[in-house]
Amino acid sequence: MKHYDYIFTGAGLAALMTVYKMVQSGNFKDKSILLLDENTKKKNDRTWCFWKTNNSIWEKCISKKWDSALFANEYFRRGLDIKPYHYNMVKGLDFYNQVFDLLSKQENITFVPQKILDIEESETIILVQTESDSFSCSKLFNSIYNKQKAESQTKYPVLQQHFIGWFIKSEQAVFNPEQATFMDFSVEQKGNTRFMYVLPTSKTEALLEYTLFSHHLLTKEEYEIEIQKYLQKLGVTQYEIVEKEQGSIPMSCYPFWKANTKNVINIGTSGGWTKASTGYTFKNSDKKSSELVAFLQRETNFTKFHQKSKFWFYDLLLLDILDRKNELGSYIFSSMFKNGNPALIFKFLDEETSFSEDIQVILKCPKMLFVKALFHVARKTAK
């Protein structure tokens, strides 16, 4: 059985960001690191987006940037000037290639594409069993999501951001490549929070995703019928589907970090790194991975890593509303974006606003809904 200083069970976004930054820091050359994941990371299996005011270390894998976004519902459309932010699109394969190009040059890092079967922790060592091998380590970073643990409790709502997306090439030049559609709630809501998300890369090419914030997934046909309807509304009659993607991202304020131990830390979605109110993962994982790499250089006890912020509570209030009245998502987001300052809203969603700035955004939202949610959350969490 081979022993490592660090093992990552799961090599998703959070794990790869963390290892990449460990290498960049230059402070872990003497540490043996193992990445375990049955996915070989050789396919373009997802798309991430994030907004930023300046360049990041991920510039190499950014395939498109926008300075303008569109918000719409059935009653109004608003173009959002998001400057000084840029809205960035990262294709999964481009991200994997950037990360593994660096990792492959490191003698102390090993990637093994095997399925993880079991993790066993004792006082001094962690054992990891795969389909064909056993490994041990001193510190383990786990990003395997425990769905049962989150959904078997009732104190914290668990919704899903679920979607199917089509990358298409259209014969009709209908897209504005200078503007991303952030949320278009003009689609039929059907008692849920449903919207279209469009990332145009040219006048004839775009990624369109039919997205829901709700409890239950749809059949594949239901998502795809809605994409077809939306394309017809745009005037697209002839098109080719280049790629498809689908996903379901948990949206919850469940305290995943409470399962951290001295030597095992949960990261990514498994550690509560996903932005609970929106399902965005890239920017939060970018921040958290930087914090974790800095933490590793000064601490050894993983139970000391997580710190709960005011934004966790804001997210909990929104999820409480959508958990009980899922059809109100369009109303809430429309209230925020109809007259709000777009750049300030993006800053708020990035969890970088001061308290006075928080108030400016919050006052645009339906006040009584959130006051009632405040009392409802207080009763639930007090139990």
Protein backbone atom coordinates (compact mmCIF):
# COMPACT_ATOMS: atom_id res chain seq x y z
CA MET A 1 0.00 0.00 0.00
CA LYS A 2 1.49 3.32 -1.07
CA HIS A 3 1.36 6.22 1.37
CA TYR A 4 0.88 9.87 0.39
CA ASP A 5 0.99 13.10 2.33
CA TYR A 6 -2.22 14.29 0.66
CA ILE A 7 -4.97 12.39 -1.18
CA PHE A 8 -7.81 14.07 -3.09
CA THR A 9 -10.84 11.78 -3.40
CA GLY A 10 -12.50 13.27 -6.45
CA ALA A 11 -10.73 15.51 -8.95
CA GLY A 12 -13.43 18.04 -9.69
CA LEU A 13 -13.22 21.80 -9.90
CA ALA A 14 -12.36 22.43 -6.24
CA ALA A 15 -9.71 19.71 -6.05
CA LEU A 16 -8.01 20.71 -9.29
CA MET A 17 -7.99 24.39 -8.34
CA THR A 18 -6.48 23.56 -4.96
CA VAL A 19 -3.72 21.33 -6.34
CA TYR A 20 -2.96 23.80 -9.11
CA LYS A 21 -2.45 26.57 -6.56
CA MET A 22 -0.40 24.31 -4.31
CA VAL A 23 2.00 23.85 -7.21
CA GLN A 24 1.99 27.55 -8.03
CA SER A 25 2.86 28.42 -4.43
CA GLY A 26 6.07 26.40 -4.61
CA ASN A 27 5.61 25.36 -0.97
CA PHE A 28 4.51 21.74 -1.44
CA LYS A 29 7.32 20.27 -3.53
CA ASP A 30 8.26 17.96 -0.67
CA LYS A 31 4.70 16.61 -0.31
CA SER A 32 3.45 13.55 -2.18
CA ILE A 33 -0.02 14.16 -3.64
CA LEU A 34 -2.48 11.67 -5.13
CA LEU A 35 -5.59 12.60 -7.15
CA LEU A 36 -8.24 9.88 -7.49
CA ASP A 37 -11.18 10.13 -9.87
CA GLU A 38 -12.80 7.65 -12.26
CA ASN A 39 -13.30 10.51 -14.77
CA THR A 40 -10.15 10.89 -16.87
CA LYS A 41 -10.86 14.61 -17.54
CA LYS A 42 -10.38 14.17 -21.29
CA LYS A 43 -13.82 15.38 -22.39
CA ASN A 44 -15.61 18.73 -22.51
CA ASP A 45 -18.25 17.71 -19.97
CA ARG A 46 -19.35 21.07 -18.53
CA THR A 47 -19.21 24.86 -18.78
CA TRP A 48 -18.45 27.27 -15.95
CA CYS A 49 -19.00 31.01 -15.83
CA PHE A 50 -17.83 33.68 -13.45
CA TRP A 51 -17.45 37.45 -13.36
CA LYS A 52 -14.33 39.37 -12.47
CA THR A 53 -13.01 42.93 -12.71
CA ASN A 54 -9.48 42.00 -13.73
CA ASN A 55 -7.52 39.13 -15.20
CA SER A 56 -7.25 35.88 -13.26
CA ILE A 57 -4.93 32.87 -13.34
CA TRP A 58 -7.57 31.20 -15.52
CA GLU A 59 -7.19 33.55 -18.50
CA LYS A 60 -5.72 30.75 -20.62
CA CYS A 61 -8.89 28.67 -20.39
CA ILE A 62 -11.44 31.49 -20.80
CA SER A 63 -13.05 31.09 -24.21
CA LYS A 64 -15.33 34.15 -24.25
CA LYS A 65 -15.93 37.38 -22.28
CA TRP A 66 -18.90 39.72 -22.17
CA ASP A 67 -19.23 43.24 -20.73
CA SER A 68 -23.01 43.25 -21.02
CA ALA A 69 -25.75 40.89 -19.84
CA LEU A 70 -29.49 40.63 -20.39
CA PHE A 71 -32.13 40.08 -17.72
CA ALA A 72 -35.71 39.49 -18.81
CA ASN A 73 -39.11 38.22 -17.77
CA GLU A 74 -42.47 38.18 -19.57
CA TYR A 75 -43.00 41.91 -18.82
CA PHE A 76 -39.62 43.60 -19.33
CA ARG A 77 -36.12 43.21 -20.74
CA ARG A 78 -33.11 45.04 -19.37
CA GLY A 79 -29.61 45.18 -20.78
CA LEU A 80 -27.14 45.22 -17.90
CA ASP A 81 -23.91 47.18 -18.19
CA ILE A 82 -21.86 45.11 -15.74
CA LYS A 83 -18.62 47.08 -15.98
CA PRO A 84 -16.11 46.99 -14.35
CA TYR A 85 -16.96 43.26 -14.41
CA HIS A 86 -16.41 40.88 -17.30
CA TYR A 87 -18.61 37.80 -17.56
CA ASN A 88 -16.31 34.89 -18.43
CA MET A 89 -17.01 31.46 -19.92
CA VAL A 90 -14.73 28.48 -19.27
CA LYS A 91 -15.18 25.18 -21.07
CA GLY A 92 -14.45 22.15 -18.94
CA LEU A 93 -11.85 20.62 -21.25
CA ASP A 94 -9.92 23.89 -21.52
CA PHE A 95 -9.78 24.07 -17.72
CA TYR A 96 -8.67 20.45 -17.39
CA ASN A 97 -5.97 20.97 -20.02
CA GLN A 98 -4.59 24.05 -18.26
CA VAL A 99 -4.46 22.27 -14.90
CA PHE A 100 -3.06 18.94 -16.08
CA ASP A 101 -0.47 20.62 -18.28
CA LEU A 102 1.05 21.94 -15.04
CA LEU A 103 0.39 18.88 -12.87
CA SER A 104 1.93 16.47 -15.38
CA LYS A 105 5.28 18.21 -14.93
CA GLN A 106 5.34 17.66 -11.15
CA GLU A 107 7.17 14.57 -9.94
CA ASN A 108 5.37 14.63 -6.58
CA ILE A 109 1.83 14.52 -8.04
CA THR A 110 0.07 11.37 -9.27
CA PHE A 111 -3.33 11.08 -10.95
CA VAL A 112 -5.02 7.66 -10.86
CA PRO A 113 -8.31 7.27 -12.81
CA GLN A 114 -10.04 4.78 -10.52
CA LYS A 115 -13.41 4.67 -8.79
CA ILE A 116 -13.28 5.23 -5.03
CA LEU A 117 -15.09 2.55 -3.05
CA ASP A 118 -14.38 3.37 0.57
CA ILE A 119 -12.68 5.87 2.88
CA GLU A 120 -11.73 4.83 6.40
CA GLU A 121 -10.28 7.25 8.92
CA SER A 122 -8.43 6.38 12.12
CA GLU A 123 -6.67 8.64 14.60
CA THR A 124 -3.41 8.83 12.65
CA ILE A 125 -4.06 7.60 9.11
CA ILE A 126 -6.71 7.58 6.36
CA LEU A 127 -7.19 4.54 4.12
CA VAL A 128 -8.72 4.83 0.65
CA GLN A 129 -9.93 1.79 -1.27
CA THR A 130 -10.46 1.89 -5.04
CA GLU A 131 -11.63 -0.85 -7.39
CA SER A 132 -8.12 -2.29 -7.66
CA ASP A 133 -5.83 -0.58 -5.14
CA SER A 134 -5.50 0.66 -1.59
CA PHE A 135 -3.80 3.90 -0.58
CA SER A 136 -3.11 5.69 2.68
CA CYS A 137 -2.49 9.31 3.56
CA SER A 138 -2.00 11.76 6.39
CA LYS A 139 -4.48 14.34 5.09
CA LEU A 140 -7.48 13.79 2.82
CA PHE A 141 -9.48 16.27 0.72
CA ASN A 142 -12.89 14.83 -0.12
CA SER A 143 -15.16 16.17 -2.85
CA ILE A 144 -17.51 13.19 -3.17
CA TYR A 145 -20.95 14.64 -2.47
CA ASN A 146 -23.05 12.89 0.17
CA LYS A 147 -26.56 13.41 -1.16
CA GLN A 148 -28.23 11.30 1.51
CA LYS A 149 -26.70 13.30 4.36
CA ALA A 150 -27.99 16.61 2.98
CA GLU A 151 -31.45 15.42 1.96
CA SER A 152 -32.29 13.31 5.01
CA GLN A 153 -32.57 16.38 7.25
CA THR A 154 -35.27 19.09 7.28
CA LYS A 155 -33.62 22.05 9.01
CA TYR A 156 -31.88 23.34 5.85
CA PRO A 157 -33.69 23.37 2.48
CA VAL A 158 -32.06 21.49 -0.40
CA LEU A 159 -32.98 22.56 -3.92
CA GLN A 160 -31.26 21.77 -7.20
CA GLN A 161 -30.00 24.00 -9.96
CA HIS A 162 -30.67 21.57 -12.79
CA PHE A 163 -30.39 22.10 -16.53
CA ILE A 164 -29.77 20.75 -19.99
CA GLY A 165 -27.79 22.85 -22.43
CA TRP A 166 -27.28 22.77 -26.19
CA PHE A 167 -24.34 24.27 -28.04
CA ILE A 168 -25.88 25.12 -31.41
CA LYS A 169 -24.90 26.54 -34.79
CA SER A 170 -27.78 28.38 -36.42
CA GLU A 171 -28.32 29.26 -40.06
CA GLN A 172 -30.02 32.44 -38.84
CA ALA A 173 -27.86 35.22 -37.35
CA VAL A 174 -30.01 35.89 -34.28
CA PHE A 175 -27.55 36.12 -31.39
CA ASN A 176 -25.78 39.17 -30.01
CA PRO A 177 -22.22 37.96 -29.31
CA GLU A 178 -21.57 41.03 -27.14
CA GLN A 179 -24.28 40.21 -24.60
CA ALA A 180 -24.87 37.13 -22.46
CA THR A 181 -28.41 36.35 -21.33
CA PHE A 182 -28.00 36.00 -17.58
CA MET A 183 -31.59 35.07 -16.81
CA ASP A 184 -34.64 35.09 -19.08
CA PHE A 185 -37.74 34.30 -17.04
CA SER A 186 -40.09 34.85 -19.98
CA VAL A 187 -40.39 31.08 -20.33
CA GLU A 188 -43.46 29.49 -18.74
CA GLN A 189 -42.79 29.03 -15.01
CA LYS A 190 -45.15 26.09 -14.37
CA GLY A 191 -45.07 26.62 -10.62
CA ASN A 192 -41.26 26.68 -10.43
CA THR A 193 -38.30 29.02 -10.85
CA ARG A 194 -37.41 28.48 -14.54
CA PHE A 195 -35.30 30.52 -16.92
CA MET A 196 -33.20 30.40 -20.07
CA TYR A 197 -29.50 31.10 -19.93
CA VAL A 198 -27.78 32.00 -23.22
CA LEU A 199 -24.05 32.38 -23.91
CA PRO A 200 -23.58 33.58 -27.52
CA THR A 201 -20.11 33.22 -29.01
CA SER A 202 -21.04 34.59 -32.46
CA LYS A 203 -24.15 35.76 -34.30
CA THR A 204 -24.92 32.14 -35.20
CA GLU A 205 -23.46 30.17 -32.27
CA ALA A 206 -24.52 29.93 -28.64
CA LEU A 207 -24.95 27.73 -25.62
CA LEU A 208 -28.59 27.72 -24.48
CA GLU A 209 -29.48 26.17 -21.14
CA TYR A 210 -32.96 25.56 -19.80
CA THR A 211 -32.44 25.93 -16.05
CA LEU A 212 -34.54 25.44 -12.94
CA PHE A 213 -34.06 26.19 -9.25
CA SER A 214 -36.42 23.58 -7.79
CA HIS A 215 -36.65 20.31 -5.89
CA HIS A 216 -37.22 17.77 -8.63
CA LEU A 217 -35.56 17.03 -11.95
CA LEU A 218 -37.49 16.84 -15.21
CA THR A 219 -37.37 14.21 -17.90
CA LYS A 220 -34.77 14.87 -20.59
CA GLU A 221 -37.55 15.54 -23.10
CA GLU A 222 -39.06 18.33 -20.98
CA TYR A 223 -35.83 20.35 -20.93
CA GLU A 224 -35.23 19.85 -24.63
CA ILE A 225 -38.78 20.76 -25.68
CA GLU A 226 -38.37 24.09 -23.85
CA ILE A 227 -35.06 24.77 -25.60
CA GLN A 228 -36.75 24.08 -28.94
CA LYS A 229 -39.59 26.48 -28.06
CA TYR A 230 -37.10 29.19 -27.10
CA LEU A 231 -35.17 28.78 -30.34
CA GLN A 232 -38.41 29.14 -32.30
CA LYS A 233 -39.19 32.33 -30.37
CA LEU A 234 -35.77 33.71 -31.34
CA GLY A 235 -36.47 32.92 -35.00
CA VAL A 236 -34.07 29.98 -35.25
CA THR A 237 -35.53 27.39 -37.62
CA GLN A 238 -32.43 25.67 -38.98
CA TYR A 239 -29.64 24.68 -36.62
CA GLU A 240 -27.11 22.01 -35.72
CA ILE A 241 -26.60 20.74 -32.17
CA VAL A 242 -22.82 20.63 -31.73
CA GLU A 243 -22.71 19.45 -28.12
CA LYS A 244 -25.03 18.80 -25.21
CA GLU A 245 -24.46 19.11 -21.48
CA GLN A 246 -26.55 18.55 -18.40
CA GLY A 247 -26.14 18.90 -14.69
CA SER A 248 -27.75 19.13 -11.29
CA ILE A 249 -26.06 21.25 -8.62
CA PRO A 250 -27.26 21.12 -5.00
CA MET A 251 -28.34 24.48 -3.58
CA SER A 252 -28.27 24.35 0.20
CA CYS A 253 -26.95 26.05 3.31
CA TYR A 254 -26.55 22.68 5.00
CA PRO A 255 -23.37 22.88 7.13
CA PHE A 256 -21.30 20.30 5.25
CA TRP A 257 -18.16 21.59 6.96
CA LYS A 258 -19.30 20.18 10.29
CA ALA A 259 -18.22 16.76 8.98
CA ASN A 260 -14.61 17.98 8.69
CA THR A 261 -12.18 16.30 11.06
CA LYS A 262 -8.62 17.11 12.04
CA ASN A 263 -7.29 15.21 9.01
CA VAL A 264 -10.20 15.09 6.55
CA ILE A 265 -11.74 18.14 4.90
CA ASN A 266 -14.75 18.26 2.58
CA ILE A 267 -14.28 20.59 -0.38
CA GLY A 268 -16.30 21.74 -3.38
CA THR A 269 -20.02 21.01 -3.28
CA SER A 270 -19.31 18.38 -0.62
CA GLY A 271 -17.86 21.12 1.58
CA GLY A 272 -20.50 23.79 0.97
CA TRP A 273 -18.36 25.71 -1.53
CA THR A 274 -21.19 26.13 -4.05
CA LYS A 275 -22.98 29.49 -3.83
CA ALA A 276 -26.21 28.26 -2.26
CA SER A 277 -28.57 30.89 -3.69
CA THR A 278 -27.43 30.65 -7.32
CA GLY A 279 -25.59 27.36 -7.79
CA TYR A 280 -22.50 29.16 -9.11
CA THR A 281 -19.36 27.18 -8.30
CA PHE A 282 -16.36 28.57 -10.18
CA LYS A 283 -15.77 31.85 -8.36
CA ASN A 284 -16.52 30.43 -4.91
CA SER A 285 -14.20 27.49 -5.52
CA ASP A 286 -11.52 29.88 -6.78
CA LYS A 287 -11.73 31.88 -3.55
CA LYS A 288 -12.00 28.89 -1.22
CA SER A 289 -9.13 27.01 -2.85
CA SER A 290 -6.85 30.03 -2.39
CA GLU A 291 -7.90 30.25 1.25
CA LEU A 292 -7.27 26.54 1.71
CA VAL A 293 -3.78 26.63 0.20
CA ALA A 294 -2.88 29.52 2.51
CA PHE A 295 -4.41 27.63 5.46
CA LEU A 296 -2.31 24.53 4.72
CA GLN A 297 0.84 26.58 5.14
CA ARG A 298 -0.02 27.66 8.69
CA GLU A 299 -2.47 25.09 10.16
CA THR A 300 -2.85 21.32 10.39
CA ASN A 301 -6.32 20.95 11.93
CA PHE A 302 -8.99 21.02 9.22
CA THR A 303 -11.80 21.71 11.70
CA LYS A 304 -10.46 25.27 11.94
CA PHE A 305 -10.83 26.05 8.23
CA HIS A 306 -14.46 27.06 7.72
CA GLN A 307 -15.90 30.42 8.77
CA LYS A 308 -19.61 31.20 8.33
CA SER A 309 -20.40 34.62 6.85
CA LYS A 310 -23.41 36.95 6.60
CA PHE A 311 -23.90 35.77 2.99
CA TRP A 312 -24.61 32.24 4.22
CA PHE A 313 -27.57 33.70 6.13
CA TYR A 314 -28.78 35.77 3.15
CA ASP A 315 -28.70 32.63 1.01
CA LEU A 316 -30.59 30.69 3.66
CA LEU A 317 -33.44 33.24 3.58
CA LEU A 318 -33.79 33.01 -0.21
CA LEU A 319 -33.70 29.21 -0.17
CA ASP A 320 -36.32 29.17 2.57
CA ILE A 321 -38.66 31.18 0.32
CA LEU A 322 -38.00 29.06 -2.78
CA ASP A 323 -38.34 25.87 -0.76
CA ARG A 324 -41.86 26.80 0.34
CA LYS A 325 -42.97 28.88 -2.67
CA ASN A 326 -40.81 27.84 -5.59
CA GLU A 327 -42.85 29.87 -8.09
CA LEU A 328 -41.59 33.16 -6.57
CA GLY A 329 -38.07 33.00 -8.02
CA SER A 330 -38.89 35.11 -11.07
CA TYR A 331 -40.57 37.77 -8.90
CA ILE A 332 -37.62 37.98 -6.50
CA PHE A 333 -34.85 38.12 -9.10
CA SER A 334 -36.88 40.51 -11.28
CA SER A 335 -37.35 42.88 -8.34
CA MET A 336 -33.61 42.89 -7.79
CA PHE A 337 -32.56 43.40 -11.39
CA LYS A 338 -35.33 45.72 -12.69
CA ASN A 339 -33.95 48.87 -11.06
CA GLY A 340 -30.87 47.69 -9.17
CA ASN A 341 -27.27 48.62 -9.96
CA PRO A 342 -26.02 45.63 -12.04
CA ALA A 343 -22.37 45.92 -10.96
CA LEU A 344 -23.41 46.15 -7.30
CA ILE A 345 -25.65 43.09 -7.65
CA PHE A 346 -22.79 41.10 -9.17
CA LYS A 347 -20.53 42.28 -6.35
CA PHE A 348 -23.19 41.18 -3.84
CA LEU A 349 -23.52 37.75 -5.47
CA ASP A 350 -19.73 37.47 -5.28
CA GLU A 351 -19.98 38.06 -1.51
CA GLU A 352 -17.72 41.12 -1.65
CA THR A 353 -20.10 43.91 -0.56
CA SER A 354 -20.03 45.91 2.66
CA PHE A 355 -23.07 45.88 4.92
CA SER A 356 -24.26 49.26 3.58
CA GLU A 357 -23.99 47.87 0.04
CA ASP A 358 -25.86 44.74 1.12
CA ILE A 359 -28.75 46.96 2.22
CA GLN A 360 -28.85 48.71 -1.17
CA VAL A 361 -29.34 45.36 -2.89
CA ILE A 362 -31.66 43.84 -0.30
CA LEU A 363 -34.01 46.85 -0.41
CA LYS A 364 -34.71 46.08 -4.08
CA CYS A 365 -36.11 42.68 -3.06
CA PRO A 366 -39.71 42.01 -1.86
CA LYS A 367 -39.34 43.00 1.79
CA MET A 368 -42.25 41.13 3.39
CA LEU A 369 -41.19 37.83 1.82
CA PHE A 370 -37.80 38.08 3.46
CA VAL A 371 -39.18 39.32 6.79
CA LYS A 372 -41.44 36.26 6.93
CA ALA A 373 -38.52 34.05 5.90
CA LEU A 374 -36.45 35.54 8.70
CA PHE A 375 -38.99 34.44 11.31
CA HIS A 376 -39.51 31.04 9.65
CA VAL A 377 -35.75 30.34 9.55
CA ALA A 378 -35.35 31.47 13.15
CA ARG A 379 -38.01 28.98 14.29
CA LYS A 380 -36.54 26.10 12.29
CA THR A 381 -32.93 26.61 13.27
CA ALA A 382 -33.86 27.06 16.93
CA LYS A 383 -35.23 23.52 17.11
